[in-house]
Amino acid sequence: PKYTGVSYNQGSTKYQARIRFNGKQSFLGNFLLQTDAAYAYDQGILQFVLAGQRSTNFNNFEEFNEARECEMAERDISSVSLQTTMEQIQTRLAELTSPTKTKLSSYKGIKKSSVRYETQIRHQKKGYSLGSYTLEVDAAYAYDCAAKLLKSKAQDYNFVSEDVYMSKRGEEMERRGLVMMDNDGGGKGGGVESLETVREMIEGRLKIIREKVGEEV
């Protein structure tokens, strides 16, 4: 990529935008067009009041839009909505600048601790820890597995099916710019546990619940 703050992710075949602020690198999104990723970086500079300290990729919106149209023509792309790109950028910047330090999850049984999501389920006035996960959806899935084990009502689940969970998992990984960890636990660009590892973590927690609850499950 020829723009500052932009890199190409071969796994997703998209361009990633990132910005470093206060000693921390923040992910700004994945984009089909590298000009869109470059513009996201520019908006991050303006959002974090870094203008004058760092150079932007484009001097103004018109220059960005002209470069965008040239890239689309060169690559023969015609289906990338500018409005959708703008909404994606603004949504991500709003998330990064939100004064709320503790992320409130839309899923049942989830809370965020540091950079991981912890999940817990209650049964007969007792709480059972289900572990912590890199992905919010994995933590939510762990809750569902425990809920099924404890014979909770269907409306208490986070996902109506395994397919919905898998779809949401892929969406979260792409949105956060995460890749699957290598077998040795490594991974570039931010790693997330494999699905097999997640299932093993969950099964370990369910085994503990079975031992504590006994014949009820």
N, C-alpha and C. Protein backbone atom coordinates (compact mmCIF):
# COMPACT_ATOMS: atom_id res chain seq x y z
N PRO A 1 0.82 -1.22 0.00
CA PRO A 1 0.00 0.00 0.00
C PRO A 1 0.85 1.26 0.00
N LYS A 2 0.40 2.27 -0.68
CA LYS A 2 1.17 3.50 -0.81
C LYS A 2 0.76 4.57 0.20
N TYR A 3 -0.20 4.24 1.06
CA TYR A 3 -0.70 5.23 2.00
C TYR A 3 -0.24 4.96 3.43
N THR A 4 -0.12 6.03 4.21
CA THR A 4 0.27 5.91 5.63
C THR A 4 -0.87 5.29 6.43
N GLY A 5 -0.51 4.39 7.34
CA GLY A 5 -1.50 3.78 8.23
C GLY A 5 -2.28 2.65 7.60
N VAL A 6 -1.86 2.21 6.41
CA VAL A 6 -2.61 1.18 5.67
C VAL A 6 -1.73 -0.04 5.43
N SER A 7 -2.30 -1.22 5.62
CA SER A 7 -1.60 -2.47 5.32
C SER A 7 -2.59 -3.42 4.65
N TYR A 8 -2.04 -4.40 3.95
CA TYR A 8 -2.90 -5.35 3.24
C TYR A 8 -2.96 -6.66 4.00
N ASN A 9 -4.17 -7.13 4.27
CA ASN A 9 -4.38 -8.39 4.98
C ASN A 9 -4.67 -9.48 3.95
N GLN A 10 -3.72 -10.37 3.74
CA GLN A 10 -3.89 -11.41 2.74
C GLN A 10 -5.00 -12.39 3.10
N GLY A 11 -5.22 -12.57 4.40
CA GLY A 11 -6.26 -13.50 4.83
C GLY A 11 -7.65 -13.04 4.42
N SER A 12 -7.92 -11.76 4.63
CA SER A 12 -9.25 -11.21 4.29
C SER A 12 -9.28 -10.57 2.92
N THR A 13 -8.08 -10.43 2.29
CA THR A 13 -7.91 -9.74 0.99
C THR A 13 -8.48 -8.33 1.05
N LYS A 14 -8.30 -7.69 2.19
CA LYS A 14 -8.75 -6.31 2.36
C LYS A 14 -7.62 -5.46 2.94
N TYR A 15 -7.82 -4.15 2.89
CA TYR A 15 -6.84 -3.21 3.42
C TYR A 15 -7.25 -2.80 4.83
N GLN A 16 -6.29 -2.85 5.74
CA GLN A 16 -6.54 -2.48 7.13
C GLN A 16 -6.01 -1.08 7.41
N ALA A 17 -6.74 -0.35 8.23
CA ALA A 17 -6.29 0.97 8.66
C ALA A 17 -6.03 0.93 10.16
N ARG A 18 -4.90 1.43 10.59
CA ARG A 18 -4.54 1.49 12.01
C ARG A 18 -3.88 2.82 12.31
N ILE A 19 -4.03 3.27 13.56
CA ILE A 19 -3.40 4.52 13.97
C ILE A 19 -2.83 4.36 15.37
N ARG A 20 -1.67 4.95 15.61
CA ARG A 20 -1.06 4.88 16.94
C ARG A 20 -1.33 6.18 17.68
N PHE A 21 -1.88 6.04 18.89
CA PHE A 21 -2.25 7.21 19.69
C PHE A 21 -2.04 6.87 21.16
N ASN A 22 -1.33 7.76 21.87
CA ASN A 22 -1.04 7.55 23.30
C ASN A 22 -0.35 6.20 23.54
N GLY A 23 0.58 5.86 22.63
CA GLY A 23 1.35 4.64 22.80
C GLY A 23 0.61 3.36 22.48
N LYS A 24 -0.60 3.47 21.95
CA LYS A 24 -1.41 2.30 21.64
C LYS A 24 -1.84 2.32 20.18
N GLN A 25 -1.75 1.19 19.51
CA GLN A 25 -2.18 1.10 18.13
C GLN A 25 -3.65 0.67 18.08
N SER A 26 -4.45 1.46 17.40
CA SER A 26 -5.89 1.19 17.32
C SER A 26 -6.29 0.78 15.91
N PHE A 27 -7.13 -0.23 15.84
CA PHE A 27 -7.63 -0.74 14.57
C PHE A 27 -8.81 0.11 14.12
N LEU A 28 -8.79 0.56 12.86
CA LEU A 28 -9.84 1.45 12.34
C LEU A 28 -10.76 0.76 11.34
N GLY A 29 -10.44 -0.46 10.94
CA GLY A 29 -11.34 -1.17 10.04
C GLY A 29 -10.67 -1.85 8.87
N ASN A 30 -11.43 -2.74 8.24
CA ASN A 30 -11.02 -3.42 7.01
C ASN A 30 -11.78 -2.83 5.84
N PHE A 31 -11.10 -2.59 4.72
CA PHE A 31 -11.72 -1.95 3.56
C PHE A 31 -11.30 -2.63 2.27
N LEU A 32 -12.22 -2.71 1.34
CA LEU A 32 -11.90 -3.29 0.03
C LEU A 32 -10.98 -2.36 -0.75
N LEU A 33 -11.17 -1.04 -0.58
CA LEU A 33 -10.34 -0.07 -1.28
C LEU A 33 -9.27 0.47 -0.35
N GLN A 34 -8.04 0.57 -0.83
CA GLN A 34 -6.98 1.12 0.01
C GLN A 34 -7.17 2.62 0.22
N THR A 35 -7.84 3.29 -0.71
CA THR A 35 -8.12 4.71 -0.51
C THR A 35 -9.09 4.91 0.66
N ASP A 36 -10.05 4.00 0.83
CA ASP A 36 -10.97 4.09 1.96
C ASP A 36 -10.23 3.89 3.28
N ALA A 37 -9.29 2.93 3.29
CA ALA A 37 -8.48 2.69 4.49
C ALA A 37 -7.63 3.91 4.81
N ALA A 38 -7.09 4.53 3.76
CA ALA A 38 -6.26 5.73 3.94
C ALA A 38 -7.09 6.88 4.50
N TYR A 39 -8.31 6.99 4.03
CA TYR A 39 -9.19 8.07 4.51
C TYR A 39 -9.60 7.82 5.96
N ALA A 40 -9.78 6.55 6.32
CA ALA A 40 -10.08 6.21 7.72
C ALA A 40 -8.94 6.65 8.62
N TYR A 41 -7.71 6.43 8.17
CA TYR A 41 -6.53 6.88 8.92
C TYR A 41 -6.56 8.41 9.08
N ASP A 42 -6.86 9.11 8.00
CA ASP A 42 -6.93 10.57 8.05
C ASP A 42 -7.96 11.05 9.06
N GLN A 43 -9.12 10.41 9.06
CA GLN A 43 -10.18 10.79 10.00
C GLN A 43 -9.76 10.49 11.44
N GLY A 44 -8.97 9.44 11.60
CA GLY A 44 -8.44 9.14 12.94
C GLY A 44 -7.51 10.23 13.41
N ILE A 45 -6.69 10.75 12.50
CA ILE A 45 -5.77 11.85 12.84
C ILE A 45 -6.57 13.08 13.31
N LEU A 46 -7.62 13.38 12.57
CA LEU A 46 -8.45 14.54 12.93
C LEU A 46 -9.22 14.30 14.23
N GLN A 47 -9.70 13.07 14.41
CA GLN A 47 -10.48 12.73 15.60
C GLN A 47 -9.63 12.82 16.87
N PHE A 48 -8.38 12.37 16.76
CA PHE A 48 -7.50 12.36 17.92
C PHE A 48 -6.65 13.62 18.04
N VAL A 49 -7.02 14.65 17.31
CA VAL A 49 -6.36 15.96 17.36
C VAL A 49 -4.85 15.83 17.11
N LEU A 50 -4.51 15.11 16.06
CA LEU A 50 -3.10 14.94 15.72
C LEU A 50 -2.73 15.74 14.48
N ALA A 51 -3.68 16.50 13.94
CA ALA A 51 -3.40 17.30 12.76
C ALA A 51 -2.31 18.30 13.10
N GLY A 52 -1.33 18.44 12.22
CA GLY A 52 -0.19 19.30 12.47
C GLY A 52 0.98 18.52 13.02
N GLN A 53 0.69 17.43 13.71
CA GLN A 53 1.74 16.56 14.23
C GLN A 53 2.08 15.47 13.22
N ARG A 54 1.06 15.02 12.48
CA ARG A 54 1.26 13.98 11.46
C ARG A 54 0.56 14.40 10.18
N SER A 55 1.10 13.95 9.08
CA SER A 55 0.52 14.29 7.78
C SER A 55 -0.62 13.33 7.44
N THR A 56 -1.64 13.86 6.79
CA THR A 56 -2.74 13.03 6.32
C THR A 56 -2.43 12.55 4.90
N ASN A 57 -3.13 11.52 4.47
CA ASN A 57 -2.94 10.99 3.12
C ASN A 57 -3.54 11.91 2.06
N PHE A 58 -4.62 12.59 2.43
CA PHE A 58 -5.31 13.49 1.49
C PHE A 58 -5.46 14.87 2.11
N ASN A 59 -5.39 15.91 1.28
CA ASN A 59 -5.52 17.27 1.77
C ASN A 59 -6.97 17.64 2.07
N ASN A 60 -7.91 16.99 1.39
CA ASN A 60 -9.33 17.28 1.59
C ASN A 60 -10.17 16.13 1.05
N PHE A 61 -11.48 16.23 1.24
CA PHE A 61 -12.39 15.17 0.81
C PHE A 61 -12.39 15.01 -0.70
N GLU A 62 -12.33 16.13 -1.42
CA GLU A 62 -12.35 16.08 -2.88
C GLU A 62 -11.16 15.28 -3.42
N GLU A 63 -9.99 15.48 -2.81
CA GLU A 63 -8.80 14.75 -3.25
C GLU A 63 -8.96 13.26 -2.98
N PHE A 64 -9.51 12.92 -1.81
CA PHE A 64 -9.77 11.52 -1.49
C PHE A 64 -10.75 10.90 -2.47
N ASN A 65 -11.85 11.61 -2.73
CA ASN A 65 -12.88 11.07 -3.62
C ASN A 65 -12.35 10.85 -5.03
N GLU A 66 -11.50 11.75 -5.49
CA GLU A 66 -10.91 11.62 -6.83
C GLU A 66 -10.00 10.38 -6.88
N ALA A 67 -9.17 10.20 -5.83
CA ALA A 67 -8.28 9.04 -5.78
C ALA A 67 -9.09 7.75 -5.67
N ARG A 68 -10.21 7.82 -4.94
CA ARG A 68 -11.09 6.66 -4.78
C ARG A 68 -11.68 6.22 -6.11
N GLU A 69 -12.17 7.19 -6.87
CA GLU A 69 -12.76 6.89 -8.17
C GLU A 69 -11.71 6.32 -9.14
N CYS A 70 -10.49 6.83 -9.05
CA CYS A 70 -9.41 6.32 -9.90
C CYS A 70 -9.09 4.86 -9.56
N GLU A 71 -9.04 4.57 -8.23
CA GLU A 71 -8.74 3.20 -7.82
C GLU A 71 -9.85 2.25 -8.27
N MET A 72 -11.10 2.66 -8.13
CA MET A 72 -12.21 1.81 -8.54
C MET A 72 -12.16 1.53 -10.04
N ALA A 73 -11.79 2.56 -10.82
CA ALA A 73 -11.70 2.38 -12.27
C ALA A 73 -10.54 1.47 -12.64
N GLU A 74 -9.41 1.65 -11.99
CA GLU A 74 -8.23 0.83 -12.28
C GLU A 74 -8.45 -0.63 -11.92
N ARG A 75 -9.18 -0.87 -10.85
CA ARG A 75 -9.41 -2.24 -10.39
C ARG A 75 -10.75 -2.80 -10.88
N ASP A 76 -11.46 -2.00 -11.67
CA ASP A 76 -12.75 -2.41 -12.23
C ASP A 76 -13.73 -2.81 -11.13
N ILE A 77 -13.85 -1.94 -10.12
CA ILE A 77 -14.77 -2.14 -9.00
C ILE A 77 -15.86 -1.07 -9.07
N SER A 78 -17.10 -1.48 -8.91
CA SER A 78 -18.19 -0.50 -9.02
C SER A 78 -19.23 -0.61 -7.90
N SER A 79 -19.01 -1.53 -6.97
CA SER A 79 -20.06 -1.81 -5.98
C SER A 79 -19.70 -1.42 -4.55
N VAL A 80 -18.74 -0.51 -4.35
CA VAL A 80 -18.35 -0.10 -3.00
C VAL A 80 -19.03 1.23 -2.66
N SER A 81 -19.98 1.17 -1.74
CA SER A 81 -20.75 2.36 -1.38
C SER A 81 -19.93 3.34 -0.55
N LEU A 82 -19.87 4.58 -0.99
CA LEU A 82 -19.16 5.61 -0.23
C LEU A 82 -19.86 5.88 1.09
N GLN A 83 -21.19 5.90 1.07
CA GLN A 83 -21.96 6.16 2.29
C GLN A 83 -21.69 5.08 3.34
N THR A 84 -21.67 3.83 2.89
CA THR A 84 -21.39 2.73 3.83
C THR A 84 -20.00 2.85 4.43
N THR A 85 -19.03 3.25 3.60
CA THR A 85 -17.66 3.44 4.08
C THR A 85 -17.61 4.54 5.13
N MET A 86 -18.29 5.65 4.88
CA MET A 86 -18.30 6.76 5.83
C MET A 86 -18.93 6.34 7.16
N GLU A 87 -20.02 5.58 7.08
CA GLU A 87 -20.70 5.12 8.30
C GLU A 87 -19.80 4.16 9.08
N GLN A 88 -19.08 3.29 8.35
CA GLN A 88 -18.16 2.35 9.01
C GLN A 88 -17.06 3.09 9.76
N ILE A 89 -16.51 4.12 9.13
CA ILE A 89 -15.44 4.90 9.75
C ILE A 89 -15.94 5.63 10.99
N GLN A 90 -17.09 6.29 10.86
CA GLN A 90 -17.62 7.06 11.97
C GLN A 90 -18.00 6.17 13.15
N THR A 91 -18.55 4.99 12.84
CA THR A 91 -18.93 4.05 13.91
C THR A 91 -17.70 3.60 14.68
N ARG A 92 -16.64 3.28 13.95
CA ARG A 92 -15.42 2.81 14.61
C ARG A 92 -14.77 3.91 15.44
N LEU A 93 -14.73 5.12 14.92
CA LEU A 93 -14.14 6.23 15.67
C LEU A 93 -14.96 6.53 16.93
N ALA A 94 -16.27 6.38 16.83
CA ALA A 94 -17.13 6.60 17.99
C ALA A 94 -16.84 5.56 19.07
N GLU A 95 -16.58 4.32 18.65
CA GLU A 95 -16.24 3.27 19.61
C GLU A 95 -14.92 3.58 20.32
N LEU A 96 -13.96 4.08 19.56
CA LEU A 96 -12.63 4.35 20.13
C LEU A 96 -12.63 5.55 21.06
N THR A 97 -13.52 6.50 20.83
CA THR A 97 -13.53 7.73 21.63
C THR A 97 -14.63 7.74 22.69
N SER A 98 -15.33 6.62 22.82
CA SER A 98 -16.40 6.54 23.82
C SER A 98 -15.83 6.69 25.22
N PRO A 99 -16.46 7.52 26.08
CA PRO A 99 -15.97 7.70 27.45
C PRO A 99 -16.22 6.49 28.33
N THR A 100 -17.06 5.56 27.86
CA THR A 100 -17.35 4.36 28.65
C THR A 100 -16.18 3.40 28.60
N LYS A 101 -15.56 3.16 29.73
CA LYS A 101 -14.38 2.29 29.77
C LYS A 101 -14.75 0.82 29.86
N THR A 102 -15.89 0.53 30.47
CA THR A 102 -16.33 -0.84 30.60
C THR A 102 -17.33 -1.15 29.51
N LYS A 103 -17.00 -2.11 28.67
CA LYS A 103 -17.88 -2.45 27.56
C LYS A 103 -19.08 -3.22 28.07
N LEU A 104 -20.27 -2.74 27.75
CA LEU A 104 -21.49 -3.45 28.10
C LEU A 104 -21.85 -4.36 26.95
N SER A 105 -21.95 -5.63 27.22
CA SER A 105 -22.23 -6.59 26.16
C SER A 105 -23.71 -6.71 25.91
N SER A 106 -24.07 -6.95 24.65
CA SER A 106 -25.47 -7.18 24.30
C SER A 106 -25.83 -8.65 24.51
N TYR A 107 -24.82 -9.47 24.86
CA TYR A 107 -25.06 -10.89 25.10
C TYR A 107 -25.27 -11.18 26.58
N LYS A 108 -25.97 -12.23 26.85
CA LYS A 108 -26.23 -12.64 28.23
C LYS A 108 -24.98 -13.25 28.87
N GLY A 109 -24.77 -12.91 30.14
CA GLY A 109 -23.71 -13.53 30.92
C GLY A 109 -22.31 -13.06 30.65
N ILE A 110 -22.14 -11.91 29.95
CA ILE A 110 -20.82 -11.46 29.52
C ILE A 110 -20.41 -10.16 30.20
N LYS A 111 -19.13 -10.07 30.54
CA LYS A 111 -18.54 -8.80 30.95
C LYS A 111 -17.11 -8.76 30.43
N LYS A 112 -16.61 -7.54 30.19
CA LYS A 112 -15.27 -7.41 29.65
C LYS A 112 -14.29 -7.09 30.77
N SER A 113 -13.18 -7.84 30.81
CA SER A 113 -12.13 -7.62 31.78
C SER A 113 -10.83 -7.46 31.01
N SER A 114 -10.21 -6.30 31.12
CA SER A 114 -9.01 -6.00 30.36
C SER A 114 -9.32 -6.12 28.87
N VAL A 115 -8.65 -7.02 28.16
CA VAL A 115 -8.89 -7.16 26.72
C VAL A 115 -9.63 -8.45 26.40
N ARG A 116 -10.16 -9.14 27.40
CA ARG A 116 -10.86 -10.40 27.17
C ARG A 116 -12.28 -10.33 27.72
N TYR A 117 -13.11 -11.24 27.24
CA TYR A 117 -14.50 -11.29 27.67
C TYR A 117 -14.70 -12.48 28.61
N GLU A 118 -15.23 -12.20 29.79
CA GLU A 118 -15.50 -13.24 30.77
C GLU A 118 -16.98 -13.58 30.75
N THR A 119 -17.28 -14.82 31.01
CA THR A 119 -18.69 -15.24 31.03
C THR A 119 -18.98 -16.08 32.26
N GLN A 120 -20.18 -15.93 32.76
CA GLN A 120 -20.60 -16.64 33.96
C GLN A 120 -22.09 -16.95 33.85
N ILE A 121 -22.49 -18.06 34.42
CA ILE A 121 -23.92 -18.42 34.44
C ILE A 121 -24.33 -18.74 35.87
N ARG A 122 -25.56 -18.40 36.19
CA ARG A 122 -26.08 -18.67 37.53
C ARG A 122 -27.08 -19.82 37.45
N HIS A 123 -27.02 -20.67 38.48
CA HIS A 123 -27.93 -21.81 38.56
C HIS A 123 -28.23 -22.08 40.02
N GLN A 124 -29.51 -22.03 40.36
CA GLN A 124 -29.94 -22.24 41.75
C GLN A 124 -29.16 -21.35 42.72
N LYS A 125 -29.10 -20.07 42.38
CA LYS A 125 -28.50 -19.02 43.20
C LYS A 125 -26.98 -19.14 43.35
N LYS A 126 -26.36 -19.95 42.49
CA LYS A 126 -24.91 -20.08 42.49
C LYS A 126 -24.35 -19.66 41.15
N GLY A 127 -23.17 -19.02 41.17
CA GLY A 127 -22.54 -18.58 39.94
C GLY A 127 -21.43 -19.55 39.52
N TYR A 128 -21.35 -19.82 38.22
CA TYR A 128 -20.32 -20.71 37.68
C TYR A 128 -19.55 -19.99 36.59
N SER A 129 -18.24 -19.88 36.77
CA SER A 129 -17.39 -19.23 35.77
C SER A 129 -17.23 -20.14 34.55
N LEU A 130 -17.33 -19.52 33.36
CA LEU A 130 -17.19 -20.28 32.12
C LEU A 130 -15.94 -19.89 31.35
N GLY A 131 -15.05 -19.10 31.99
CA GLY A 131 -13.78 -18.76 31.37
C GLY A 131 -13.77 -17.40 30.71
N SER A 132 -12.63 -17.03 30.14
CA SER A 132 -12.48 -15.76 29.44
C SER A 132 -12.01 -16.03 28.02
N TYR A 133 -12.46 -15.18 27.08
CA TYR A 133 -12.23 -15.41 25.66
C TYR A 133 -11.85 -14.12 24.95
N THR A 134 -11.09 -14.26 23.87
CA THR A 134 -10.72 -13.10 23.07
C THR A 134 -11.93 -12.52 22.36
N LEU A 135 -12.78 -13.40 21.82
CA LEU A 135 -13.96 -12.97 21.09
C LEU A 135 -15.18 -12.92 22.01
N GLU A 136 -15.94 -11.85 21.87
CA GLU A 136 -17.17 -11.71 22.65
C GLU A 136 -18.16 -12.82 22.31
N VAL A 137 -18.23 -13.19 21.02
CA VAL A 137 -19.18 -14.23 20.62
C VAL A 137 -18.80 -15.60 21.18
N ASP A 138 -17.50 -15.86 21.37
CA ASP A 138 -17.08 -17.13 21.96
C ASP A 138 -17.54 -17.21 23.42
N ALA A 139 -17.42 -16.08 24.11
CA ALA A 139 -17.89 -16.04 25.50
C ALA A 139 -19.40 -16.26 25.54
N ALA A 140 -20.11 -15.67 24.60
CA ALA A 140 -21.57 -15.82 24.53
C ALA A 140 -21.94 -17.26 24.20
N TYR A 141 -21.14 -17.90 23.35
CA TYR A 141 -21.40 -19.29 22.99
C TYR A 141 -21.16 -20.21 24.19
N ALA A 142 -20.14 -19.90 24.97
CA ALA A 142 -19.87 -20.68 26.19
C ALA A 142 -21.07 -20.61 27.13
N TYR A 143 -21.67 -19.42 27.23
CA TYR A 143 -22.86 -19.25 28.07
C TYR A 143 -23.99 -20.14 27.57
N ASP A 144 -24.18 -20.16 26.24
CA ASP A 144 -25.24 -20.98 25.66
C ASP A 144 -25.04 -22.46 25.94
N CYS A 145 -23.79 -22.91 25.83
CA CYS A 145 -23.49 -24.33 26.09
C CYS A 145 -23.85 -24.70 27.52
N ALA A 146 -23.51 -23.81 28.45
CA ALA A 146 -23.83 -24.07 29.86
C ALA A 146 -25.33 -24.00 30.09
N ALA A 147 -25.99 -23.07 29.41
CA ALA A 147 -27.45 -22.92 29.56
C ALA A 147 -28.16 -24.19 29.09
N LYS A 148 -27.67 -24.76 28.00
CA LYS A 148 -28.27 -26.01 27.49
C LYS A 148 -28.01 -27.16 28.46
N LEU A 149 -26.82 -27.19 29.02
CA LEU A 149 -26.48 -28.23 29.99
C LEU A 149 -27.40 -28.15 31.21
N LEU A 150 -27.68 -26.93 31.62
CA LEU A 150 -28.51 -26.72 32.81
C LEU A 150 -29.99 -26.65 32.47
N LYS A 151 -30.32 -26.96 31.20
CA LYS A 151 -31.71 -27.04 30.75
C LYS A 151 -32.45 -25.71 30.91
N SER A 152 -31.78 -24.62 30.54
CA SER A 152 -32.42 -23.31 30.56
C SER A 152 -33.42 -23.21 29.41
N LYS A 153 -34.30 -22.23 29.48
CA LYS A 153 -35.28 -22.04 28.42
C LYS A 153 -34.60 -21.50 27.16
N ALA A 154 -35.15 -21.83 26.01
CA ALA A 154 -34.56 -21.45 24.72
C ALA A 154 -34.38 -19.94 24.60
N GLN A 155 -35.30 -19.16 25.16
CA GLN A 155 -35.21 -17.71 25.04
C GLN A 155 -34.05 -17.11 25.84
N ASP A 156 -33.43 -17.95 26.66
CA ASP A 156 -32.29 -17.49 27.45
C ASP A 156 -30.97 -17.62 26.71
N TYR A 157 -30.98 -18.19 25.50
CA TYR A 157 -29.74 -18.38 24.74
C TYR A 157 -29.37 -17.12 23.96
N ASN A 158 -28.10 -16.96 23.68
CA ASN A 158 -27.62 -15.83 22.88
C ASN A 158 -27.80 -16.07 21.38
N PHE A 159 -27.69 -17.33 20.95
CA PHE A 159 -27.79 -17.65 19.53
C PHE A 159 -28.88 -18.71 19.31
N VAL A 160 -29.64 -18.53 18.26
CA VAL A 160 -30.73 -19.47 17.98
C VAL A 160 -30.21 -20.76 17.36
N SER A 161 -28.99 -20.73 16.82
CA SER A 161 -28.43 -21.94 16.20
C SER A 161 -26.91 -21.83 16.14
N GLU A 162 -26.26 -22.97 15.87
CA GLU A 162 -24.82 -23.02 15.69
C GLU A 162 -24.38 -22.18 14.49
N ASP A 163 -25.19 -22.18 13.44
CA ASP A 163 -24.87 -21.42 12.23
C ASP A 163 -24.81 -19.93 12.51
N VAL A 164 -25.73 -19.44 13.32
CA VAL A 164 -25.75 -18.02 13.66
C VAL A 164 -24.49 -17.65 14.45
N TYR A 165 -24.11 -18.51 15.39
CA TYR A 165 -22.88 -18.28 16.15
C TYR A 165 -21.67 -18.20 15.24
N MET A 166 -21.55 -19.16 14.31
CA MET A 166 -20.40 -19.18 13.41
C MET A 166 -20.35 -17.94 12.53
N SER A 167 -21.51 -17.50 12.08
CA SER A 167 -21.58 -16.30 11.25
C SER A 167 -21.14 -15.07 12.05
N LYS A 168 -21.62 -14.94 13.28
CA LYS A 168 -21.26 -13.81 14.14
C LYS A 168 -19.77 -13.86 14.50
N ARG A 169 -19.23 -15.05 14.62
CA ARG A 169 -17.80 -15.20 14.94
C ARG A 169 -16.94 -14.63 13.81
N GLY A 170 -17.29 -15.00 12.60
CA GLY A 170 -16.55 -14.49 11.44
C GLY A 170 -16.66 -12.98 11.32
N GLU A 171 -17.85 -12.45 11.59
CA GLU A 171 -18.07 -11.01 11.51
C GLU A 171 -17.23 -10.26 12.54
N GLU A 172 -17.16 -10.80 13.77
CA GLU A 172 -16.39 -10.11 14.82
C GLU A 172 -14.90 -10.14 14.51
N MET A 173 -14.42 -11.26 14.00
CA MET A 173 -13.00 -11.36 13.65
C MET A 173 -12.63 -10.35 12.56
N GLU A 174 -13.49 -10.22 11.56
CA GLU A 174 -13.21 -9.28 10.48
C GLU A 174 -13.30 -7.84 10.97
N ARG A 175 -14.32 -7.55 11.77
CA ARG A 175 -14.50 -6.18 12.27
C ARG A 175 -13.34 -5.73 13.14
N ARG A 176 -12.79 -6.64 13.93
CA ARG A 176 -11.69 -6.31 14.84
C ARG A 176 -10.31 -6.57 14.24
N GLY A 177 -10.28 -7.07 13.00
CA GLY A 177 -9.00 -7.30 12.33
C GLY A 177 -8.19 -8.39 12.97
N LEU A 178 -8.86 -9.45 13.46
CA LEU A 178 -8.18 -10.54 14.13
C LEU A 178 -7.98 -11.71 13.19
N VAL A 179 -6.93 -12.48 13.42
CA VAL A 179 -6.65 -13.68 12.64
C VAL A 179 -6.52 -14.86 13.59
N MET A 180 -6.62 -16.06 13.03
CA MET A 180 -6.53 -17.25 13.84
C MET A 180 -5.11 -17.46 14.34
N MET A 181 -4.96 -17.84 15.59
CA MET A 181 -3.64 -18.12 16.15
C MET A 181 -3.04 -19.34 15.49
N ASP A 182 -1.69 -19.36 15.42
CA ASP A 182 -1.00 -20.56 14.96
C ASP A 182 -1.16 -21.65 16.01
N ASN A 183 -0.76 -22.86 15.68
CA ASN A 183 -0.88 -23.97 16.62
C ASN A 183 -0.07 -23.76 17.89
N ASP A 184 1.01 -22.96 17.78
CA ASP A 184 1.84 -22.72 18.96
C ASP A 184 1.36 -21.53 19.77
N GLY A 185 0.17 -20.97 19.36
CA GLY A 185 -0.39 -19.85 20.12
C GLY A 185 -0.02 -18.52 19.55
N GLY A 186 0.81 -18.49 18.50
CA GLY A 186 1.20 -17.22 17.92
C GLY A 186 0.25 -16.80 16.84
N GLY A 187 0.49 -15.61 16.30
CA GLY A 187 -0.36 -15.10 15.24
C GLY A 187 -0.08 -13.65 15.02
N LYS A 188 0.00 -13.24 13.78
CA LYS A 188 0.28 -11.85 13.48
C LYS A 188 -1.00 -11.05 13.38
N GLY A 189 -0.90 -9.76 13.76
CA GLY A 189 -2.03 -8.86 13.58
C GLY A 189 -3.12 -9.04 14.61
N GLY A 190 -2.84 -9.70 15.71
CA GLY A 190 -3.86 -9.93 16.71
C GLY A 190 -4.43 -11.32 16.55
N GLY A 191 -4.20 -12.22 17.53
CA GLY A 191 -4.60 -13.60 17.37
C GLY A 191 -5.82 -13.95 18.18
N VAL A 192 -6.59 -14.92 17.69
CA VAL A 192 -7.77 -15.39 18.39
C VAL A 192 -7.72 -16.91 18.45
N GLU A 193 -8.22 -17.47 19.54
CA GLU A 193 -8.20 -18.92 19.70
C GLU A 193 -8.96 -19.61 18.57
N SER A 194 -8.46 -20.77 18.16
CA SER A 194 -9.16 -21.54 17.14
C SER A 194 -10.48 -22.05 17.71
N LEU A 195 -11.38 -22.42 16.82
CA LEU A 195 -12.67 -22.95 17.25
C LEU A 195 -12.50 -24.21 18.07
N GLU A 196 -11.53 -25.04 17.70
CA GLU A 196 -11.26 -26.26 18.45
C GLU A 196 -10.82 -25.95 19.87
N THR A 197 -9.94 -24.94 20.00
CA THR A 197 -9.48 -24.54 21.33
C THR A 197 -10.61 -24.01 22.18
N VAL A 198 -11.47 -23.21 21.57
CA VAL A 198 -12.63 -22.65 22.28
C VAL A 198 -13.53 -23.77 22.80
N ARG A 199 -13.79 -24.76 21.95
CA ARG A 199 -14.65 -25.87 22.36
C ARG A 199 -14.02 -26.65 23.52
N GLU A 200 -12.70 -26.82 23.49
CA GLU A 200 -12.00 -27.52 24.56
C GLU A 200 -12.09 -26.73 25.87
N MET A 201 -11.96 -25.39 25.77
CA MET A 201 -12.08 -24.54 26.96
C MET A 201 -13.48 -24.66 27.56
N ILE A 202 -14.47 -24.63 26.70
CA ILE A 202 -15.86 -24.71 27.17
C ILE A 202 -16.13 -26.06 27.81
N GLU A 203 -15.69 -27.13 27.16
CA GLU A 203 -15.94 -28.47 27.69
C GLU A 203 -15.29 -28.64 29.06
N GLY A 204 -14.11 -28.04 29.25
CA GLY A 204 -13.46 -28.10 30.55
C GLY A 204 -14.30 -27.45 31.63
N ARG A 205 -14.93 -26.33 31.30
CA ARG A 205 -15.79 -25.64 32.27
C ARG A 205 -17.08 -26.42 32.52
N LEU A 206 -17.63 -27.02 31.48
CA LEU A 206 -18.86 -27.79 31.64
C LEU A 206 -18.63 -29.02 32.51
N LYS A 207 -17.44 -29.59 32.40
CA LYS A 207 -17.11 -30.75 33.22
C LYS A 207 -17.13 -30.38 34.70
N ILE A 208 -16.62 -29.19 35.02
CA ILE A 208 -16.62 -28.72 36.41
C ILE A 208 -18.04 -28.52 36.90
N ILE A 209 -18.90 -27.96 36.03
CA ILE A 209 -20.29 -27.74 36.41
C ILE A 209 -20.98 -29.07 36.68
N ARG A 210 -20.73 -30.06 35.80
CA ARG A 210 -21.34 -31.38 36.00
C ARG A 210 -20.94 -31.97 37.36
N GLU A 211 -19.69 -31.81 37.71
CA GLU A 211 -19.19 -32.36 38.98
C GLU A 211 -19.83 -31.65 40.17
N LYS A 212 -20.04 -30.34 40.05
CA LYS A 212 -20.60 -29.57 41.17
C LYS A 212 -22.11 -29.74 41.30
N VAL A 213 -22.79 -29.76 40.15
CA VAL A 213 -24.24 -29.84 40.19
C VAL A 213 -24.72 -31.28 40.39
N GLY A 214 -23.94 -32.23 39.88
CA GLY A 214 -24.26 -33.63 40.12
C GLY A 214 -25.32 -34.19 39.20
N GLU A 215 -26.19 -34.99 39.74
CA GLU A 215 -27.15 -35.76 38.96
C GLU A 215 -28.19 -34.89 38.28
N GLU A 216 -28.30 -33.63 38.65
CA GLU A 216 -29.31 -32.75 38.05
C GLU A 216 -29.10 -32.61 36.55
N VAL A 217 -27.81 -32.69 36.08
CA VAL A 217 -27.52 -32.53 34.66
C VAL A 217 -26.96 -33.82 34.08
